[in-house]
Amino acid sequence: MRKLLALFVVAASCLLVSGADAKSNSNGLASATSERARKDFLAFLVHAPLAVPNATFFVDPLLNKVYSDQIMADIRANVSMWTDLRDSAKPMDVYAAPTQHFQFIYDHLKRILPAQQLESGWLDVKADRARKEATGFFGGGAPGDAINGNAVLMVYVPNGRSIRDDHWNSLTSHEYVHVAQRSVFNGSMAAMQCWVREGQANFIGWSYAGRASKAGYVHAWKSQLQDLENEREYSPQQRLSASYWKNWFISSEKQDITKACDATQNYVAGAMAFQYLHGTFGYKKVNDFIRNLKAAVDTCGDGSPKYSSTCIPARNSAFEKAFGVSLRDMYPRFAAHIVNELKWFTNK
């Protein structure tokens, strides 16, 4: 039975912390831009009118109720938050199970997803990993629309995972960003570079994980930066080099987005870029940018490098229309912000 859900609202009393107050204690963020980004996210969280999600939940009975309750609450909050980009009346099917019984999700998705959305074998890879890492592997996905036209979102978590874990608390929100993105682009993700697609989702997800308090936000954000540190995808010299990060964004323009965007830098460096955009321009202009990218869908084709000559200018046009600055002129600003964030993290 389709469940009609009431809006989840975070108490307003925890929403605003002045930059001056933040900098007077150990919960200070890296910069005034970072502080503004947090406040902007909290405003984004509560800006939308009351929205009742049109969601059907398929929950494995083996999933502990503490997780299913949290997933439903997070869906309520995020559907409302994203009404500017995705109509809350659009139907969505949510599949949830413990990693120890990923087969529940596997069987459903094999049945309801179009064959072309499964042909890369990604679902089989997840199922194999779930079997091998049943007590440590968790995650989610927004693989597109089902055969019946409903958006699909899946979430899996090991029974026994701490409900206070920042990675877990960011997950459902992260995946719903992809549902909203797909809704804007009618299913295609080709218009977005990997850092845009995953960076936006990570910025929102981690901000959502730390929404309840300033200390919680700082802890969540540093947990994300730790992920980047753990991967060591750069040398010690590159790590704090603005030139390295500027060139990383330039090289990302020709990424093949038909391949996996799994590299951690797409998620975390992308999140810091969106932190800069939210802290400098605000969520309304960020949403304008995502809407503007709809015009790039056709010129970006399938998102592979063979479309670079038309896709790169189209992406830039969408960006410049929203922010008044070209991507190439913005990359040095992103780079300086990332270096500052990583210096702040080093001094944690």
Protein backbone atom coordinates (compact mmCIF):
# COMPACT_ATOMS: atom_id res chain seq x y z
CA MET A 1 0.00 0.00 0.00
CA ARG A 2 1.27 3.45 -0.86
CA LYS A 3 2.20 5.36 2.24
CA LEU A 4 1.42 9.07 2.41
CA LEU A 5 3.95 10.68 4.65
CA ALA A 6 3.93 13.86 6.71
CA LEU A 7 6.70 16.46 6.53
CA PHE A 8 9.70 16.06 8.76
CA VAL A 9 11.00 19.43 10.02
CA VAL A 10 14.18 20.06 11.94
CA ALA A 11 13.66 22.28 14.95
CA ALA A 12 14.43 25.85 14.06
CA SER A 13 16.25 26.43 17.31
CA CYS A 14 19.25 24.45 16.07
CA LEU A 15 19.47 26.10 12.68
CA LEU A 16 21.41 29.32 13.03
CA VAL A 17 24.87 29.80 14.47
CA SER A 18 26.63 33.07 13.74
CA GLY A 19 30.08 33.04 12.18
CA ALA A 20 31.42 35.01 15.13
CA ASP A 21 30.09 32.50 17.62
CA ALA A 22 31.39 29.61 15.56
CA LYS A 23 34.89 30.99 15.42
CA SER A 24 35.01 31.51 19.18
CA ASN A 25 35.02 27.77 19.94
CA SER A 26 36.39 24.47 18.70
CA ASN A 27 33.41 24.04 16.39
CA GLY A 28 34.59 26.72 14.00
CA LEU A 29 34.66 25.77 10.32
CA ALA A 30 37.51 26.53 7.95
CA SER A 31 36.28 29.88 6.64
CA ALA A 32 33.44 32.37 6.50
CA THR A 33 32.41 30.68 3.23
CA SER A 34 32.17 27.32 5.01
CA GLU A 35 30.10 28.87 7.79
CA ARG A 36 27.73 30.45 5.28
CA ALA A 37 27.44 27.14 3.42
CA ARG A 38 26.20 25.44 6.58
CA LYS A 39 23.62 28.16 7.23
CA ASP A 40 22.54 28.05 3.59
CA PHE A 41 22.01 24.31 3.78
CA LEU A 42 19.91 24.64 6.94
CA ALA A 43 17.79 27.29 5.22
CA PHE A 44 17.45 24.96 2.23
CA LEU A 45 16.35 22.16 4.53
CA VAL A 46 13.33 24.06 5.79
CA HIS A 47 12.52 26.39 2.88
CA ALA A 48 10.03 24.21 1.06
CA PRO A 49 6.27 24.25 1.58
CA LEU A 50 4.75 21.21 3.27
CA ALA A 51 5.09 18.27 0.93
CA VAL A 52 3.69 14.76 1.23
CA PRO A 53 5.93 12.25 -0.52
CA ASN A 54 4.28 9.82 -2.89
CA ALA A 55 6.45 6.92 -1.78
CA THR A 56 5.95 3.20 -1.48
CA PHE A 57 8.35 1.42 0.87
CA PHE A 58 9.41 -2.18 0.26
CA VAL A 59 11.20 -3.09 3.46
CA ASP A 60 12.71 -6.47 4.18
CA PRO A 61 11.17 -7.77 7.44
CA LEU A 62 14.71 -8.72 8.49
CA LEU A 63 15.80 -5.07 8.59
CA ASN A 64 15.86 -3.72 12.12
CA LYS A 65 13.08 -1.17 12.62
CA VAL A 66 15.50 1.51 13.84
CA TYR A 67 16.93 1.68 10.31
CA SER A 68 13.63 1.53 8.43
CA ASP A 69 12.22 4.30 10.64
CA GLN A 70 15.26 6.44 9.94
CA ILE A 71 15.08 5.81 6.20
CA MET A 72 11.42 6.87 6.12
CA ALA A 73 12.11 10.01 8.15
CA ASP A 74 15.00 10.93 5.88
CA ILE A 75 12.86 10.41 2.78
CA ARG A 76 10.19 12.70 4.24
CA ALA A 77 12.72 15.46 4.90
CA ASN A 78 14.47 15.21 1.57
CA VAL A 79 11.40 14.98 -0.64
CA SER A 80 10.24 18.23 0.92
CA MET A 81 13.66 19.84 0.63
CA TRP A 82 13.86 19.13 -3.10
CA THR A 83 10.35 20.17 -4.18
CA ASP A 84 11.97 23.03 -6.13
CA LEU A 85 13.54 20.48 -8.49
CA ARG A 86 11.34 17.38 -8.14
CA ASP A 87 7.57 17.39 -7.66
CA SER A 88 6.76 15.53 -4.43
CA ALA A 89 3.72 14.01 -6.17
CA LYS A 90 5.94 12.00 -8.48
CA PRO A 91 5.84 8.35 -7.40
CA MET A 92 8.89 6.67 -5.95
CA ASP A 93 9.55 3.13 -4.79
CA VAL A 94 12.05 2.69 -1.94
CA TYR A 95 13.69 -0.69 -1.31
CA ALA A 96 15.49 -1.32 2.00
CA ALA A 97 17.14 -4.37 3.49
CA PRO A 98 19.99 -5.39 5.76
CA THR A 99 23.22 -6.04 3.89
CA GLN A 100 23.08 -9.55 5.34
CA HIS A 101 20.00 -10.08 3.16
CA PHE A 102 20.84 -7.98 0.09
CA GLN A 103 19.06 -10.67 -1.89
CA PHE A 104 15.77 -8.93 -1.00
CA ILE A 105 16.80 -5.82 -2.95
CA TYR A 106 18.46 -7.86 -5.68
CA ASP A 107 15.34 -9.88 -6.42
CA HIS A 108 13.10 -6.80 -6.51
CA LEU A 109 15.41 -4.75 -8.75
CA LYS A 110 15.97 -7.62 -11.17
CA ARG A 111 12.22 -7.77 -11.57
CA ILE A 112 11.29 -4.08 -11.79
CA LEU A 113 14.22 -2.37 -13.60
CA PRO A 114 14.43 -2.24 -17.41
CA ALA A 115 17.07 -4.60 -18.79
CA GLN A 116 19.27 -1.77 -20.09
CA GLN A 117 19.66 -0.40 -16.56
CA LEU A 118 21.13 -3.71 -15.41
CA GLU A 119 23.30 -4.62 -18.39
CA SER A 120 26.58 -3.34 -16.89
CA GLY A 121 26.29 -5.89 -14.10
CA TRP A 122 26.51 -3.31 -11.31
CA LEU A 123 23.77 -4.99 -9.26
CA ASP A 124 25.54 -8.35 -9.41
CA VAL A 125 28.75 -6.67 -8.24
CA LYS A 126 26.95 -5.19 -5.24
CA ALA A 127 25.33 -8.53 -4.44
CA ASP A 128 28.70 -10.27 -4.55
CA ARG A 129 30.27 -7.67 -2.27
CA ALA A 130 27.34 -7.89 0.14
CA ARG A 131 27.95 -11.62 0.44
CA LYS A 132 31.63 -11.09 1.15
CA GLU A 133 31.30 -8.04 3.45
CA ALA A 134 27.88 -8.56 5.00
CA THR A 135 28.70 -6.86 8.30
CA GLY A 136 30.65 -3.90 6.93
CA PHE A 137 29.26 -2.99 3.51
CA PHE A 138 26.43 -0.50 3.24
CA GLY A 139 25.20 1.97 0.69
CA GLY A 140 22.40 2.82 -1.69
CA GLY A 141 21.54 3.78 -5.21
CA ALA A 142 19.15 5.65 -7.48
CA PRO A 143 19.36 3.56 -10.65
CA GLY A 144 16.59 5.33 -12.55
CA ASP A 145 12.95 4.58 -13.18
CA ALA A 146 11.29 1.19 -12.90
CA ILE A 147 9.33 -0.40 -15.72
CA ASN A 148 6.19 1.16 -14.21
CA GLY A 149 7.72 4.66 -14.47
CA ASN A 150 8.30 5.13 -10.73
CA ALA A 151 11.64 6.46 -9.50
CA VAL A 152 13.66 3.85 -7.63
CA LEU A 153 15.83 4.32 -4.55
CA MET A 154 17.53 1.51 -2.64
CA VAL A 155 19.25 1.51 0.75
CA TYR A 156 21.06 -1.32 2.51
CA VAL A 157 22.83 -1.34 5.88
CA PRO A 158 24.14 -4.14 8.10
CA ASN A 159 21.97 -4.84 11.11
CA GLY A 160 24.22 -3.71 13.94
CA ARG A 161 25.60 -0.56 12.29
CA SER A 162 25.59 2.41 14.68
CA ILE A 163 22.72 4.76 13.90
CA ARG A 164 25.06 7.61 14.91
CA ASP A 165 27.55 6.81 12.16
CA ASP A 166 28.00 9.89 9.94
CA HIS A 167 28.41 7.83 6.77
CA TRP A 168 25.13 6.05 7.42
CA ASN A 169 23.32 9.27 8.35
CA SER A 170 24.35 10.89 5.06
CA LEU A 171 23.31 7.99 2.87
CA THR A 172 19.58 8.31 2.18
CA SER A 173 19.90 12.05 1.65
CA HIS A 174 22.80 11.52 -0.77
CA GLU A 175 20.82 9.03 -2.82
CA TYR A 176 17.71 11.19 -2.95
CA VAL A 177 19.81 13.95 -4.55
CA HIS A 178 20.35 11.53 -7.45
CA VAL A 179 16.61 10.91 -7.65
CA ALA A 180 16.09 14.68 -7.93
CA GLN A 181 18.87 15.00 -10.52
CA ARG A 182 17.39 12.24 -12.66
CA SER A 183 14.00 13.89 -12.42
CA VAL A 184 15.37 17.16 -13.81
CA PHE A 185 17.11 15.41 -16.69
CA ASN A 186 14.38 12.87 -17.45
CA GLY A 187 16.66 10.02 -16.43
CA SER A 188 19.91 10.98 -18.16
CA MET A 189 22.96 11.94 -16.09
CA ALA A 190 25.10 12.89 -19.10
CA ALA A 191 24.91 16.65 -18.53
CA MET A 192 26.76 16.39 -15.21
CA GLN A 193 30.46 15.89 -14.70
CA CYS A 194 31.25 13.32 -12.03
CA TRP A 195 32.22 16.00 -9.50
CA VAL A 196 28.87 17.72 -10.10
CA ARG A 197 26.78 14.56 -9.82
CA GLU A 198 28.51 13.12 -6.77
CA GLY A 199 29.75 16.36 -5.23
CA GLN A 200 26.26 17.80 -4.95
CA ALA A 201 24.99 14.57 -3.41
CA ASN A 202 27.88 14.42 -0.95
CA PHE A 203 27.57 18.06 0.10
CA ILE A 204 23.87 17.60 0.80
CA GLY A 205 24.27 14.18 2.40
CA TRP A 206 27.03 15.16 4.80
CA SER A 207 25.36 18.47 5.63
CA TYR A 208 22.19 16.54 6.39
CA ALA A 209 24.11 14.12 8.61
CA GLY A 210 25.36 17.06 10.69
CA ARG A 211 22.17 19.12 10.66
CA ALA A 212 21.24 18.81 14.35
CA SER A 213 24.15 20.75 15.85
CA LYS A 214 27.26 22.69 14.95
CA ALA A 215 29.47 20.10 16.63
CA GLY A 216 27.69 17.36 14.68
CA TYR A 217 28.22 19.23 11.42
CA VAL A 218 31.94 19.70 12.07
CA HIS A 219 32.31 16.02 12.96
CA ALA A 220 30.43 14.90 9.86
CA TRP A 221 32.36 17.20 7.53
CA LYS A 222 35.70 16.03 8.94
CA SER A 223 34.58 12.41 8.52
CA GLN A 224 34.11 13.12 4.82
CA LEU A 225 37.51 14.77 4.49
CA GLN A 226 39.01 11.75 6.24
CA ASP A 227 37.66 9.62 3.39
CA LEU A 228 39.70 11.71 0.96
CA GLU A 229 42.78 11.43 3.15
CA ASN A 230 42.36 7.66 3.40
CA GLU A 231 42.34 7.23 -0.38
CA ARG A 232 45.57 9.18 -0.95
CA GLU A 233 44.79 9.84 -4.59
CA TYR A 234 47.34 12.67 -4.58
CA SER A 235 50.94 13.14 -3.46
CA PRO A 236 51.78 15.16 -0.33
CA GLN A 237 52.88 18.01 -2.61
CA GLN A 238 49.66 17.91 -4.62
CA ARG A 239 47.44 17.78 -1.56
CA LEU A 240 47.87 21.46 -0.67
CA SER A 241 48.58 22.70 -4.17
CA ALA A 242 45.94 25.00 -5.62
CA SER A 243 47.43 24.35 -9.05
CA TYR A 244 46.88 20.60 -8.65
CA TRP A 245 43.20 21.03 -7.77
CA LYS A 246 42.59 23.58 -10.55
CA ASN A 247 44.07 21.16 -13.08
CA TRP A 248 42.05 18.32 -11.57
CA PHE A 249 38.83 20.18 -12.37
CA ILE A 250 40.06 20.95 -15.89
CA SER A 251 40.92 17.30 -16.52
CA SER A 252 37.48 16.33 -15.17
CA GLU A 253 35.83 18.10 -18.08
CA LYS A 254 36.67 15.14 -20.33
CA GLN A 255 35.77 12.37 -17.89
CA ASP A 256 33.76 9.53 -19.37
CA ILE A 257 30.64 9.63 -17.23
CA THR A 258 29.43 6.39 -18.79
CA LYS A 259 32.05 4.79 -16.56
CA ALA A 260 31.80 4.66 -12.77
CA CYS A 261 32.35 7.93 -10.91
CA ASP A 262 33.73 5.96 -7.98
CA ALA A 263 36.97 7.88 -7.41
CA THR A 264 36.71 9.49 -3.96
CA GLN A 265 37.89 12.84 -5.29
CA ASN A 266 34.71 13.15 -7.35
CA TYR A 267 32.71 12.85 -4.13
CA VAL A 268 34.78 14.86 -1.69
CA ALA A 269 36.48 17.49 -3.86
CA GLY A 270 33.10 17.85 -5.56
CA ALA A 271 31.42 18.34 -2.17
CA MET A 272 33.90 21.10 -1.31
CA ALA A 273 33.14 22.78 -4.64
CA PHE A 274 29.44 22.72 -3.79
CA GLN A 275 30.23 23.95 -0.30
CA TYR A 276 31.88 26.95 -1.96
CA LEU A 277 28.90 27.49 -4.28
CA HIS A 278 26.37 27.31 -1.43
CA GLY A 279 28.49 29.55 0.78
CA THR A 280 29.08 32.12 -1.96
CA PHE A 281 25.90 32.11 -4.06
CA GLY A 282 23.23 30.21 -2.11
CA TYR A 283 21.08 27.20 -2.86
CA LYS A 284 18.67 29.02 -5.19
CA LYS A 285 21.42 29.73 -7.71
CA VAL A 286 22.79 26.21 -7.26
CA ASN A 287 19.34 24.87 -8.16
CA ASP A 288 19.25 27.23 -11.14
CA PHE A 289 22.52 25.69 -12.32
CA ILE A 290 21.09 22.17 -12.14
CA ARG A 291 17.97 23.25 -14.02
CA ASN A 292 20.10 25.04 -16.63
CA LEU A 293 21.99 21.81 -17.29
CA LYS A 294 18.84 20.32 -18.77
CA ALA A 295 19.69 22.21 -21.97
CA ALA A 296 22.99 20.27 -22.12
CA VAL A 297 21.45 16.80 -22.09
CA ASP A 298 21.16 16.42 -25.87
CA THR A 299 24.54 17.97 -26.66
CA CYS A 300 26.23 15.76 -24.07
CA GLY A 301 24.92 12.59 -25.70
CA ASP A 302 25.82 9.66 -23.49
CA GLY A 303 28.42 11.67 -21.57
CA SER A 304 31.41 9.97 -23.15
CA PRO A 305 34.47 11.98 -24.31
CA LYS A 306 33.37 11.85 -27.97
CA TYR A 307 30.80 14.51 -27.08
CA SER A 308 33.32 16.80 -25.36
CA SER A 309 33.34 19.43 -28.12
CA THR A 310 29.63 20.12 -27.62
CA CYS A 311 29.15 19.00 -24.01
CA ILE A 312 31.86 21.12 -22.36
CA PRO A 313 30.54 24.44 -23.80
CA ALA A 314 26.96 23.46 -22.92
CA ARG A 315 27.90 22.65 -19.31
CA ASN A 316 29.80 25.93 -19.05
CA SER A 317 26.87 27.89 -20.45
CA ALA A 318 24.58 26.42 -17.77
CA PHE A 319 27.11 27.28 -15.06
CA GLU A 320 27.81 30.82 -16.22
CA LYS A 321 24.11 31.55 -16.65
CA ALA A 322 23.53 30.65 -12.99
CA PHE A 323 26.60 32.17 -11.33
CA GLY A 324 27.84 34.84 -13.74
CA VAL A 325 31.29 33.20 -13.83
CA SER A 326 32.70 30.64 -16.25
CA LEU A 327 33.78 27.22 -15.02
CA ARG A 328 37.39 27.91 -15.99
CA ASP A 329 37.34 31.10 -13.92
CA MET A 330 35.70 29.28 -11.03
CA TYR A 331 38.20 26.42 -10.85
CA PRO A 332 40.93 28.50 -9.14
CA ARG A 333 38.35 29.58 -6.53
CA PHE A 334 37.36 25.97 -5.92
CA ALA A 335 41.04 25.05 -5.67
CA ALA A 336 41.82 27.73 -3.08
CA HIS A 337 38.78 26.68 -1.05
CA ILE A 338 39.80 23.01 -1.13
CA VAL A 339 43.34 23.80 -0.01
CA ASN A 340 41.96 25.84 2.88
CA GLU A 341 39.58 23.04 3.89
CA LEU A 342 42.39 20.47 3.88
CA LYS A 343 44.63 22.73 5.96
CA TRP A 344 41.77 23.11 8.45
CA PHE A 345 41.34 19.34 8.52
CA THR A 346 45.05 18.81 9.14
CA ASN A 347 44.78 21.04 12.22
CA LYS A 348 41.73 19.18 13.55
